[in-house]
Amino acid sequence: MTPGPEDAPDSAAWNAYLAEGNAKQARKRVAADVLLRDTDGRFLLVKPTYKPGWDLPGGMAEANEAPDRAVLRELEEELGLAVATRGLLVVDWVAPHGPWDDQVAFIFDGGVLDDEAATALRPRDAELSEARFTSGSKAAAMLRPRLARRFAAAVVALTSGCPVYLCNGEDFPNSP
């Protein structure tokens, strides 16, 4: 059913038409991570229990959850941290891989944790086995290659103050 000119934008017919279109639209998985630093400038990494390797703190957004809210929820659930995001650093479109469809991954600036909060930091649920601060070069070596590229871009964005858009962990193809 296509609404006609007699259907107001807030009519039941118009809303039904939009709902039908919405149901057919592609859905994207959304991941949201955060760069958190200690007072020595080291970056926080976490070790998930459900996959190999190290990760940035954060996780997957739930249905209809904004990426910045998702990362704050994940920090609270997994590390007991309540921080304020200080801005967007990276948006990365991740191509389909393995059994996964594509996704959009965000990295936000979480600022610097004071010494007391950094020292007291411990995983709070079964999804993480460890959390540690490490230098940028060590962090890049500990992360999976695509995430390491995203992390490096986030560090540059942190310094420049200019968010970065990536495609599959690489510079956007139309960038100079």
Protein backbone atom coordinates (compact mmCIF):
# COMPACT_ATOMS: atom_id res chain seq x y z
CA MET A 1 0.00 0.00 0.00
CA THR A 2 1.33 3.38 -0.98
CA PRO A 3 -0.23 6.34 0.78
CA GLY A 4 -1.91 8.92 -1.39
CA PRO A 5 -1.90 12.72 -1.20
CA GLU A 6 -4.88 12.57 1.16
CA ASP A 7 -2.78 10.77 3.80
CA ALA A 8 -1.25 13.16 6.31
CA PRO A 9 2.34 12.43 7.40
CA ASP A 10 1.05 11.41 10.84
CA SER A 11 -1.87 9.28 9.61
CA ALA A 12 -2.21 5.54 10.27
CA ALA A 13 -1.81 4.82 6.54
CA TRP A 14 1.41 6.81 6.33
CA ASN A 15 2.83 5.17 9.48
CA ALA A 16 1.92 1.70 8.16
CA TYR A 17 3.69 2.51 4.89
CA LEU A 18 6.83 3.63 6.76
CA ALA A 19 6.72 0.57 9.05
CA GLU A 20 6.60 -1.73 6.01
CA GLY A 21 9.64 -0.01 4.54
CA ASN A 22 11.47 -0.09 7.86
CA ALA A 23 10.89 -3.85 8.18
CA LYS A 24 12.61 -4.39 4.81
CA GLN A 25 15.63 -2.19 5.50
CA ALA A 26 19.03 -3.69 6.27
CA ARG A 27 20.06 -3.78 9.92
CA LYS A 28 23.61 -3.04 11.04
CA ARG A 29 25.37 -4.45 14.04
CA VAL A 30 26.91 -1.65 16.10
CA ALA A 31 30.00 -1.93 18.27
CA ALA A 32 31.12 0.85 20.61
CA ASP A 33 34.50 1.00 22.32
CA VAL A 34 36.30 3.62 24.35
CA LEU A 35 39.87 4.84 24.76
CA LEU A 36 40.56 5.16 28.47
CA ARG A 37 43.94 6.27 29.75
CA ASP A 38 45.70 6.37 33.09
CA THR A 39 47.67 9.36 34.35
CA ASP A 40 50.84 7.90 32.77
CA GLY A 41 49.18 7.99 29.32
CA ARG A 42 48.79 4.22 29.02
CA PHE A 43 45.68 2.75 27.39
CA LEU A 44 43.22 0.33 28.97
CA LEU A 45 42.81 -3.06 27.29
CA VAL A 46 40.51 -5.88 28.37
CA LYS A 47 40.77 -9.63 27.82
CA PRO A 48 37.43 -11.21 26.91
CA THR A 49 36.68 -14.76 28.03
CA TYR A 50 34.53 -15.56 24.99
CA LYS A 51 37.15 -14.96 22.27
CA PRO A 52 40.95 -15.01 21.97
CA GLY A 53 43.12 -11.95 22.39
CA TRP A 54 42.75 -8.48 23.83
CA ASP A 55 40.17 -5.80 23.12
CA LEU A 56 39.30 -2.20 23.88
CA PRO A 57 36.67 -1.75 26.60
CA GLY A 58 33.15 -1.62 25.21
CA GLY A 59 30.95 -3.99 23.27
CA MET A 60 27.90 -4.43 21.12
CA ALA A 61 24.93 -2.07 21.19
CA GLU A 62 21.54 -3.54 21.99
CA ALA A 63 18.54 -2.97 19.71
CA ASN A 64 17.74 0.74 19.38
CA GLU A 65 20.60 1.73 21.73
CA ALA A 66 22.78 4.68 20.75
CA PRO A 67 26.49 3.81 20.43
CA ASP A 68 27.60 6.29 23.11
CA ARG A 69 25.03 4.84 25.54
CA ALA A 70 26.10 1.29 24.66
CA VAL A 71 29.72 1.95 25.58
CA LEU A 72 28.72 3.55 28.88
CA ARG A 73 26.49 0.58 29.71
CA GLU A 74 29.24 -1.90 28.82
CA LEU A 75 31.78 -0.05 30.99
CA GLU A 76 29.39 -0.12 33.94
CA GLU A 77 28.49 -3.79 33.49
CA GLU A 78 31.97 -5.15 32.82
CA LEU A 79 34.24 -2.83 34.82
CA GLY A 80 31.98 -0.96 37.24
CA LEU A 81 33.07 2.33 35.66
CA ALA A 82 30.94 5.42 35.25
CA VAL A 83 32.67 7.85 32.90
CA ALA A 84 31.55 10.52 30.49
CA THR A 85 32.52 10.21 26.85
CA ARG A 86 34.43 13.22 25.67
CA GLY A 87 33.73 12.88 21.97
CA LEU A 88 33.89 10.64 18.96
CA LEU A 89 37.29 9.46 17.70
CA VAL A 90 36.57 6.82 15.03
CA VAL A 91 33.74 5.41 12.95
CA ASP A 92 34.73 2.25 11.08
CA TRP A 93 32.57 0.31 8.64
CA VAL A 94 33.60 -3.33 9.01
CA ALA A 95 33.02 -5.61 6.02
CA PRO A 96 31.30 -8.98 6.40
CA HIS A 97 33.74 -11.58 7.69
CA GLY A 98 33.38 -15.20 8.73
CA PRO A 99 29.78 -15.78 9.82
CA TRP A 100 29.24 -12.07 10.53
CA ASP A 101 27.40 -9.46 8.49
CA ASP A 102 28.91 -6.01 8.25
CA GLN A 103 28.90 -3.66 11.22
CA VAL A 104 29.64 -0.09 12.21
CA ALA A 105 32.23 0.29 14.96
CA PHE A 106 32.71 3.45 17.03
CA ILE A 107 35.52 4.49 19.34
CA PHE A 108 34.87 7.28 21.84
CA ASP A 109 37.28 9.21 24.04
CA GLY A 110 36.74 8.18 27.66
CA GLY A 111 39.37 10.49 29.10
CA VAL A 112 41.87 9.80 31.85
CA LEU A 113 41.14 7.76 34.97
CA ASP A 114 42.69 9.08 38.16
CA ASP A 115 45.25 6.89 39.92
CA GLU A 116 42.76 5.58 42.48
CA ALA A 117 40.21 4.48 39.85
CA ALA A 118 42.91 2.99 37.60
CA THR A 119 44.47 0.99 40.44
CA ALA A 120 41.10 -0.34 41.64
CA LEU A 121 39.98 -1.39 38.15
CA ARG A 122 38.90 -5.05 37.95
CA PRO A 123 36.57 -7.03 35.68
CA ARG A 124 33.08 -7.21 37.22
CA ASP A 125 31.48 -9.97 35.16
CA ALA A 126 32.32 -13.26 33.48
CA GLU A 127 32.85 -11.69 30.04
CA LEU A 128 36.30 -10.35 31.03
CA SER A 129 39.22 -12.14 32.65
CA GLU A 130 41.65 -9.23 32.84
CA ALA A 131 42.01 -5.47 32.43
CA ARG A 132 45.37 -3.73 32.11
CA PHE A 133 46.90 -0.44 31.11
CA THR A 134 49.65 -0.59 28.52
CA SER A 135 51.61 1.73 26.26
CA GLY A 136 50.22 2.58 22.85
CA SER A 137 52.84 0.52 21.02
CA LYS A 138 52.23 -2.55 23.20
CA ALA A 139 48.46 -2.10 22.89
CA ALA A 140 48.71 -2.03 19.08
CA ALA A 141 50.73 -5.25 19.15
CA MET A 142 48.21 -6.99 21.47
CA LEU A 143 45.12 -6.17 19.40
CA ARG A 144 43.84 -8.04 16.33
CA PRO A 145 45.10 -6.34 13.13
CA ARG A 146 41.83 -4.58 12.15
CA LEU A 147 41.28 -3.37 15.72
CA ALA A 148 44.94 -2.31 15.96
CA ARG A 149 44.43 -0.10 12.87
CA ARG A 150 41.24 1.33 14.40
CA PHE A 151 43.10 1.93 17.69
CA ALA A 152 45.96 3.72 15.88
CA ALA A 153 43.46 5.96 14.07
CA ALA A 154 41.76 6.72 17.41
CA VAL A 155 45.09 7.75 18.95
CA VAL A 156 45.72 10.09 16.01
CA ALA A 157 42.19 11.51 16.34
CA LEU A 158 42.74 11.98 20.08
CA THR A 159 45.79 14.13 19.33
CA SER A 160 44.37 16.00 16.34
CA GLY A 161 40.89 16.54 17.76
CA CYS A 162 39.44 15.43 14.41
CA PRO A 163 37.35 12.22 14.22
CA VAL A 164 38.32 9.66 11.57
CA TYR A 165 36.14 7.56 9.26
CA LEU A 166 37.57 4.18 8.24
CA CYS A 167 36.42 1.41 5.92
CA ASN A 168 37.33 -1.98 7.32
CA GLY A 169 40.10 -0.49 9.45
CA GLU A 170 41.66 1.41 6.55
CA ASP A 171 41.52 5.07 5.60
CA PHE A 172 38.34 5.98 3.77
CA PRO A 173 39.02 5.35 0.05
CA ASN A 174 37.92 8.86 -0.97
CA SER A 175 40.24 10.57 1.50
CA PRO A 176 43.18 12.58 0.10
